[in-house]
Amino acid sequence: MSRNWHHGNAAEDGSKTRGWLLGHFIDPTEGGVRATKDLEVKWGTHPAGDKRPEWTTDERRTTMLLLVDGHFRLHLTEGTVDLAKQGDYAVWGPGIDHSWEALTDAVVVTVRWPSASN
C-alpha cells in the first residue's frame, strides 16, 4: 500500500492506539499518511456507563466531539452538554477542562488540533 493514502476500518485501525486513527503518536512506518502533527482523530465506542471520572487539565488544543450513535454526556468547566441526536457535537478550546460519560451505548468521533502532547 502507498504511504500517501490509506483505507481501513476505524475500530480495527484504532485498536492498538485507544481508538486514535490520526495523530503524532501513530508510527509513520506503520501508519504512513495517518501519522501527522496537524490533528488527531479518534473513533470511540463506549458501552453504557463508561466514563472518564477524572478531568483533563491544562489542555492547550481545540477539540470537537461528534456523536455518531447513542447518548453521550460531556462535562466542561463551562457547563454540561448532552449529545443525544445523531450529529450533535461540541467544540471547545484551550483552557477548558472536560470529562465525559456514556449514558447509553455510544459511538463518538473526536478531533483535536494540533496533534501534540501537552
N, C-alpha and C. Protein backbone atom coordinates (compact mmCIF):
# COMPACT_ATOMS: atom_id res chain seq x y z
N MET A 1 0.84 -1.18 0.00
CA MET A 1 0.00 0.00 0.00
C MET A 1 0.89 1.25 0.00
N SER A 2 0.47 2.24 -0.72
CA SER A 2 1.19 3.51 -0.79
C SER A 2 1.25 4.17 0.59
N ARG A 3 2.32 4.87 0.87
CA ARG A 3 2.45 5.58 2.15
C ARG A 3 1.70 6.91 2.12
N ASN A 4 1.14 7.29 0.95
CA ASN A 4 0.48 8.58 0.84
C ASN A 4 -1.04 8.47 0.81
N TRP A 5 -1.59 7.28 1.03
CA TRP A 5 -3.04 7.12 1.18
C TRP A 5 -3.29 5.87 2.00
N HIS A 6 -4.49 5.79 2.57
CA HIS A 6 -4.83 4.65 3.43
C HIS A 6 -6.34 4.47 3.43
N HIS A 7 -6.78 3.25 3.53
CA HIS A 7 -8.19 2.95 3.80
C HIS A 7 -8.23 1.85 4.82
N GLY A 8 -9.31 1.77 5.58
CA GLY A 8 -9.39 0.75 6.60
C GLY A 8 -10.69 0.84 7.36
N ASN A 9 -10.69 0.27 8.54
CA ASN A 9 -11.84 0.28 9.44
C ASN A 9 -11.42 0.99 10.72
N ALA A 10 -12.22 1.96 11.14
CA ALA A 10 -11.86 2.78 12.30
C ALA A 10 -11.66 1.94 13.55
N ALA A 11 -12.55 1.00 13.83
CA ALA A 11 -12.42 0.18 15.04
C ALA A 11 -11.17 -0.68 14.98
N GLU A 12 -10.89 -1.26 13.83
CA GLU A 12 -9.71 -2.12 13.70
C GLU A 12 -8.42 -1.31 13.72
N ASP A 13 -8.38 -0.22 12.94
CA ASP A 13 -7.15 0.57 12.86
C ASP A 13 -6.81 1.25 14.18
N GLY A 14 -7.83 1.59 14.97
CA GLY A 14 -7.58 2.25 16.24
C GLY A 14 -7.42 1.31 17.42
N SER A 15 -7.48 0.00 17.18
CA SER A 15 -7.46 -0.95 18.29
C SER A 15 -6.16 -0.92 19.09
N LYS A 16 -5.06 -0.53 18.50
CA LYS A 16 -3.77 -0.50 19.20
C LYS A 16 -3.44 0.88 19.78
N THR A 17 -4.29 1.88 19.47
CA THR A 17 -4.00 3.25 19.89
C THR A 17 -5.19 3.88 20.61
N ARG A 18 -5.93 3.06 21.40
CA ARG A 18 -7.08 3.54 22.17
C ARG A 18 -8.11 4.25 21.29
N GLY A 19 -8.22 3.85 20.03
CA GLY A 19 -9.22 4.42 19.13
C GLY A 19 -8.69 5.52 18.23
N TRP A 20 -7.49 6.01 18.51
CA TRP A 20 -6.94 7.11 17.71
C TRP A 20 -6.52 6.60 16.33
N LEU A 21 -6.98 7.30 15.30
CA LEU A 21 -6.72 6.92 13.90
C LEU A 21 -5.66 7.79 13.25
N LEU A 22 -5.58 9.05 13.66
CA LEU A 22 -4.62 10.01 13.11
C LEU A 22 -3.97 10.74 14.26
N GLY A 23 -2.70 11.09 14.10
CA GLY A 23 -2.04 11.90 15.11
C GLY A 23 -0.54 11.69 15.15
N HIS A 24 0.11 12.49 15.99
CA HIS A 24 1.56 12.44 16.09
C HIS A 24 2.06 11.12 16.68
N PHE A 25 1.19 10.41 17.41
CA PHE A 25 1.59 9.18 18.07
C PHE A 25 1.46 7.94 17.19
N ILE A 26 0.99 8.09 15.96
CA ILE A 26 0.92 6.97 15.03
C ILE A 26 2.31 6.77 14.43
N ASP A 27 2.80 5.55 14.48
CA ASP A 27 4.13 5.23 13.94
C ASP A 27 4.11 5.41 12.43
N PRO A 28 4.92 6.34 11.90
CA PRO A 28 4.90 6.60 10.46
C PRO A 28 5.31 5.40 9.62
N THR A 29 6.09 4.48 10.19
CA THR A 29 6.48 3.29 9.41
C THR A 29 5.31 2.33 9.26
N GLU A 30 4.33 2.40 10.17
CA GLU A 30 3.16 1.54 10.08
C GLU A 30 1.93 2.29 9.59
N GLY A 31 1.79 3.55 10.01
CA GLY A 31 0.58 4.32 9.72
C GLY A 31 0.67 5.19 8.50
N GLY A 32 1.87 5.42 7.97
CA GLY A 32 2.02 6.24 6.77
C GLY A 32 1.37 7.60 6.92
N VAL A 33 0.43 7.88 6.05
CA VAL A 33 -0.24 9.18 5.99
C VAL A 33 -1.05 9.48 7.26
N ARG A 34 -1.35 8.46 8.06
CA ARG A 34 -2.10 8.68 9.30
C ARG A 34 -1.25 9.31 10.41
N ALA A 35 0.07 9.30 10.24
CA ALA A 35 0.97 9.93 11.20
C ALA A 35 1.09 11.41 10.84
N THR A 36 0.54 12.28 11.71
CA THR A 36 0.53 13.70 11.42
C THR A 36 0.59 14.51 12.71
N LYS A 37 1.18 15.68 12.62
CA LYS A 37 1.22 16.60 13.76
C LYS A 37 0.14 17.68 13.64
N ASP A 38 -0.66 17.60 12.57
CA ASP A 38 -1.68 18.63 12.33
C ASP A 38 -2.95 18.42 13.15
N LEU A 39 -3.39 17.17 13.31
CA LEU A 39 -4.61 16.89 14.04
C LEU A 39 -4.63 15.46 14.52
N GLU A 40 -5.61 15.16 15.38
CA GLU A 40 -5.82 13.81 15.89
C GLU A 40 -7.29 13.47 15.68
N VAL A 41 -7.56 12.24 15.28
CA VAL A 41 -8.94 11.77 15.10
C VAL A 41 -9.09 10.44 15.82
N LYS A 42 -10.17 10.32 16.58
CA LYS A 42 -10.42 9.11 17.36
C LYS A 42 -11.83 8.59 17.09
N TRP A 43 -11.95 7.29 16.93
CA TRP A 43 -13.23 6.59 16.86
C TRP A 43 -13.44 5.98 18.23
N GLY A 44 -14.44 6.46 18.97
CA GLY A 44 -14.66 5.99 20.33
C GLY A 44 -15.95 5.21 20.46
N THR A 45 -15.85 3.96 20.88
CA THR A 45 -17.01 3.11 21.14
C THR A 45 -17.10 2.90 22.65
N HIS A 46 -18.20 3.36 23.24
CA HIS A 46 -18.32 3.35 24.70
C HIS A 46 -19.59 2.63 25.12
N PRO A 47 -19.48 1.60 25.96
CA PRO A 47 -20.68 0.94 26.49
C PRO A 47 -21.38 1.86 27.50
N ALA A 48 -22.66 1.66 27.66
CA ALA A 48 -23.43 2.45 28.64
C ALA A 48 -22.74 2.38 29.99
N GLY A 49 -22.60 3.53 30.65
CA GLY A 49 -21.97 3.60 31.96
C GLY A 49 -20.48 3.88 31.92
N ASP A 50 -19.87 3.76 30.73
CA ASP A 50 -18.45 4.07 30.60
C ASP A 50 -18.25 5.55 30.89
N LYS A 51 -17.22 5.89 31.62
CA LYS A 51 -16.99 7.30 31.93
C LYS A 51 -15.52 7.58 32.16
N ARG A 52 -15.20 8.84 32.03
CA ARG A 52 -13.87 9.34 32.39
C ARG A 52 -14.07 10.15 33.66
N PRO A 53 -13.85 9.52 34.82
CA PRO A 53 -14.15 10.22 36.07
C PRO A 53 -13.20 11.37 36.35
N GLU A 54 -11.96 11.25 35.91
CA GLU A 54 -11.00 12.34 36.14
C GLU A 54 -11.18 13.40 35.05
N TRP A 55 -10.86 14.61 35.38
CA TRP A 55 -10.96 15.72 34.44
C TRP A 55 -9.61 15.94 33.76
N THR A 56 -9.65 16.31 32.50
CA THR A 56 -8.42 16.73 31.84
C THR A 56 -8.02 18.06 32.47
N THR A 57 -6.76 18.38 32.41
CA THR A 57 -6.31 19.67 32.93
C THR A 57 -5.26 20.24 31.99
N ASP A 58 -5.20 21.55 31.95
CA ASP A 58 -4.17 22.26 31.19
C ASP A 58 -4.16 21.90 29.71
N GLU A 59 -5.33 21.71 29.12
CA GLU A 59 -5.42 21.38 27.70
C GLU A 59 -5.07 22.61 26.87
N ARG A 60 -4.23 22.41 25.87
CA ARG A 60 -3.76 23.53 25.04
C ARG A 60 -4.23 23.41 23.59
N ARG A 61 -5.13 22.46 23.32
CA ARG A 61 -5.60 22.26 21.95
C ARG A 61 -7.10 22.53 21.86
N THR A 62 -7.60 22.57 20.65
CA THR A 62 -9.03 22.69 20.39
C THR A 62 -9.55 21.28 20.10
N THR A 63 -10.76 20.99 20.57
CA THR A 63 -11.34 19.65 20.41
C THR A 63 -12.77 19.76 19.91
N MET A 64 -13.15 18.82 19.04
CA MET A 64 -14.54 18.66 18.64
C MET A 64 -14.94 17.22 18.95
N LEU A 65 -16.08 17.05 19.56
CA LEU A 65 -16.65 15.72 19.83
C LEU A 65 -17.96 15.63 19.08
N LEU A 66 -18.10 14.61 18.22
CA LEU A 66 -19.26 14.43 17.34
C LEU A 66 -19.93 13.10 17.66
N LEU A 67 -21.23 13.14 17.93
CA LEU A 67 -21.98 11.93 18.25
C LEU A 67 -22.40 11.21 16.97
N VAL A 68 -22.02 9.94 16.87
CA VAL A 68 -22.43 9.09 15.75
C VAL A 68 -23.69 8.32 16.14
N ASP A 69 -23.72 7.79 17.38
CA ASP A 69 -24.85 6.99 17.83
C ASP A 69 -24.89 6.98 19.35
N GLY A 70 -26.09 6.91 19.91
CA GLY A 70 -26.25 6.78 21.36
C GLY A 70 -26.54 8.10 22.04
N HIS A 71 -26.22 8.14 23.34
CA HIS A 71 -26.43 9.32 24.18
C HIS A 71 -25.17 9.50 25.02
N PHE A 72 -24.51 10.62 24.87
CA PHE A 72 -23.21 10.88 25.47
C PHE A 72 -23.26 12.21 26.19
N ARG A 73 -22.77 12.25 27.41
CA ARG A 73 -22.75 13.49 28.19
C ARG A 73 -21.32 13.98 28.33
N LEU A 74 -21.13 15.23 28.01
CA LEU A 74 -19.83 15.89 28.08
C LEU A 74 -19.87 16.93 29.18
N HIS A 75 -18.95 16.82 30.12
CA HIS A 75 -18.84 17.78 31.21
C HIS A 75 -17.67 18.71 30.89
N LEU A 76 -17.94 19.99 30.79
CA LEU A 76 -16.92 21.01 30.54
C LEU A 76 -16.87 21.96 31.72
N THR A 77 -15.75 22.60 31.93
CA THR A 77 -15.70 23.60 33.00
C THR A 77 -16.72 24.72 32.74
N GLU A 78 -17.22 24.82 31.52
CA GLU A 78 -18.20 25.83 31.14
C GLU A 78 -19.64 25.34 31.29
N GLY A 79 -19.84 24.06 31.60
CA GLY A 79 -21.19 23.51 31.73
C GLY A 79 -21.23 22.08 31.20
N THR A 80 -22.43 21.51 31.20
CA THR A 80 -22.64 20.14 30.75
C THR A 80 -23.45 20.14 29.46
N VAL A 81 -23.06 19.26 28.54
CA VAL A 81 -23.73 19.15 27.24
C VAL A 81 -24.15 17.71 27.04
N ASP A 82 -25.42 17.50 26.70
CA ASP A 82 -25.90 16.17 26.33
C ASP A 82 -25.94 16.07 24.81
N LEU A 83 -25.25 15.07 24.28
CA LEU A 83 -25.29 14.79 22.85
C LEU A 83 -26.20 13.58 22.69
N ALA A 84 -27.41 13.79 22.15
CA ALA A 84 -28.41 12.73 22.12
C ALA A 84 -28.93 12.43 20.72
N LYS A 85 -28.75 13.36 19.81
CA LYS A 85 -29.25 13.19 18.44
C LYS A 85 -28.05 12.99 17.51
N GLN A 86 -28.12 11.99 16.66
CA GLN A 86 -27.01 11.74 15.73
C GLN A 86 -26.59 13.04 15.07
N GLY A 87 -25.31 13.33 15.12
CA GLY A 87 -24.78 14.56 14.54
C GLY A 87 -24.59 15.69 15.54
N ASP A 88 -25.12 15.54 16.77
CA ASP A 88 -24.86 16.55 17.81
C ASP A 88 -23.36 16.61 18.06
N TYR A 89 -22.85 17.81 18.32
CA TYR A 89 -21.42 17.95 18.58
C TYR A 89 -21.16 19.13 19.49
N ALA A 90 -19.95 19.14 20.04
CA ALA A 90 -19.48 20.25 20.87
C ALA A 90 -18.03 20.52 20.47
N VAL A 91 -17.66 21.79 20.53
CA VAL A 91 -16.28 22.21 20.25
C VAL A 91 -15.84 23.09 21.41
N TRP A 92 -14.63 22.82 21.93
CA TRP A 92 -14.09 23.66 22.99
C TRP A 92 -12.61 23.91 22.74
N GLY A 93 -12.15 25.02 23.27
CA GLY A 93 -10.79 25.45 23.01
C GLY A 93 -9.86 25.27 24.19
N PRO A 94 -8.64 25.74 24.03
CA PRO A 94 -7.63 25.64 25.08
C PRO A 94 -8.13 26.21 26.41
N GLY A 95 -7.71 25.57 27.49
CA GLY A 95 -8.05 26.07 28.82
C GLY A 95 -9.36 25.55 29.37
N ILE A 96 -10.14 24.82 28.59
CA ILE A 96 -11.40 24.25 29.09
C ILE A 96 -11.16 22.77 29.40
N ASP A 97 -11.35 22.41 30.66
CA ASP A 97 -11.18 21.02 31.09
C ASP A 97 -12.45 20.24 30.79
N HIS A 98 -12.33 18.91 30.73
CA HIS A 98 -13.51 18.10 30.44
C HIS A 98 -13.42 16.71 31.04
N SER A 99 -14.57 16.10 31.18
CA SER A 99 -14.74 14.67 31.44
C SER A 99 -16.01 14.27 30.69
N TRP A 100 -16.33 12.99 30.69
CA TRP A 100 -17.47 12.53 29.90
C TRP A 100 -18.05 11.25 30.47
N GLU A 101 -19.26 10.90 30.00
CA GLU A 101 -19.87 9.62 30.35
C GLU A 101 -20.84 9.21 29.25
N ALA A 102 -20.89 7.90 29.00
CA ALA A 102 -21.83 7.33 28.03
C ALA A 102 -23.11 6.97 28.78
N LEU A 103 -24.21 7.63 28.46
CA LEU A 103 -25.47 7.36 29.12
C LEU A 103 -26.14 6.11 28.54
N THR A 104 -25.87 5.82 27.27
CA THR A 104 -26.27 4.57 26.61
C THR A 104 -25.03 4.10 25.85
N ASP A 105 -25.10 2.95 25.23
CA ASP A 105 -24.02 2.57 24.32
C ASP A 105 -23.87 3.73 23.33
N ALA A 106 -22.64 4.17 23.09
CA ALA A 106 -22.43 5.35 22.26
C ALA A 106 -21.19 5.21 21.40
N VAL A 107 -21.25 5.85 20.25
CA VAL A 107 -20.10 5.96 19.35
C VAL A 107 -19.89 7.45 19.09
N VAL A 108 -18.66 7.90 19.30
CA VAL A 108 -18.32 9.30 19.08
C VAL A 108 -17.03 9.41 18.26
N VAL A 109 -16.91 10.51 17.55
CA VAL A 109 -15.67 10.82 16.85
C VAL A 109 -15.09 12.07 17.52
N THR A 110 -13.83 11.99 17.88
CA THR A 110 -13.14 13.12 18.49
C THR A 110 -12.08 13.62 17.52
N VAL A 111 -12.03 14.93 17.35
CA VAL A 111 -11.00 15.56 16.52
C VAL A 111 -10.32 16.61 17.39
N ARG A 112 -8.98 16.55 17.48
CA ARG A 112 -8.21 17.54 18.23
C ARG A 112 -7.15 18.13 17.33
N TRP A 113 -6.87 19.40 17.53
CA TRP A 113 -5.79 20.03 16.75
C TRP A 113 -5.13 21.11 17.56
N PRO A 114 -3.84 21.30 17.36
CA PRO A 114 -2.92 20.45 16.59
C PRO A 114 -2.62 19.18 17.36
N SER A 115 -1.93 18.24 16.73
CA SER A 115 -1.59 16.98 17.39
C SER A 115 -0.22 17.13 18.04
N ALA A 116 -0.25 17.30 19.34
CA ALA A 116 0.99 17.42 20.10
C ALA A 116 0.68 17.16 21.55
N SER A 117 1.60 16.56 22.24
CA SER A 117 1.36 16.31 23.66
C SER A 117 1.47 17.63 24.41
N ASN A 118 0.78 17.68 25.55
CA ASN A 118 0.77 18.92 26.35
C ASN A 118 2.12 19.23 26.90
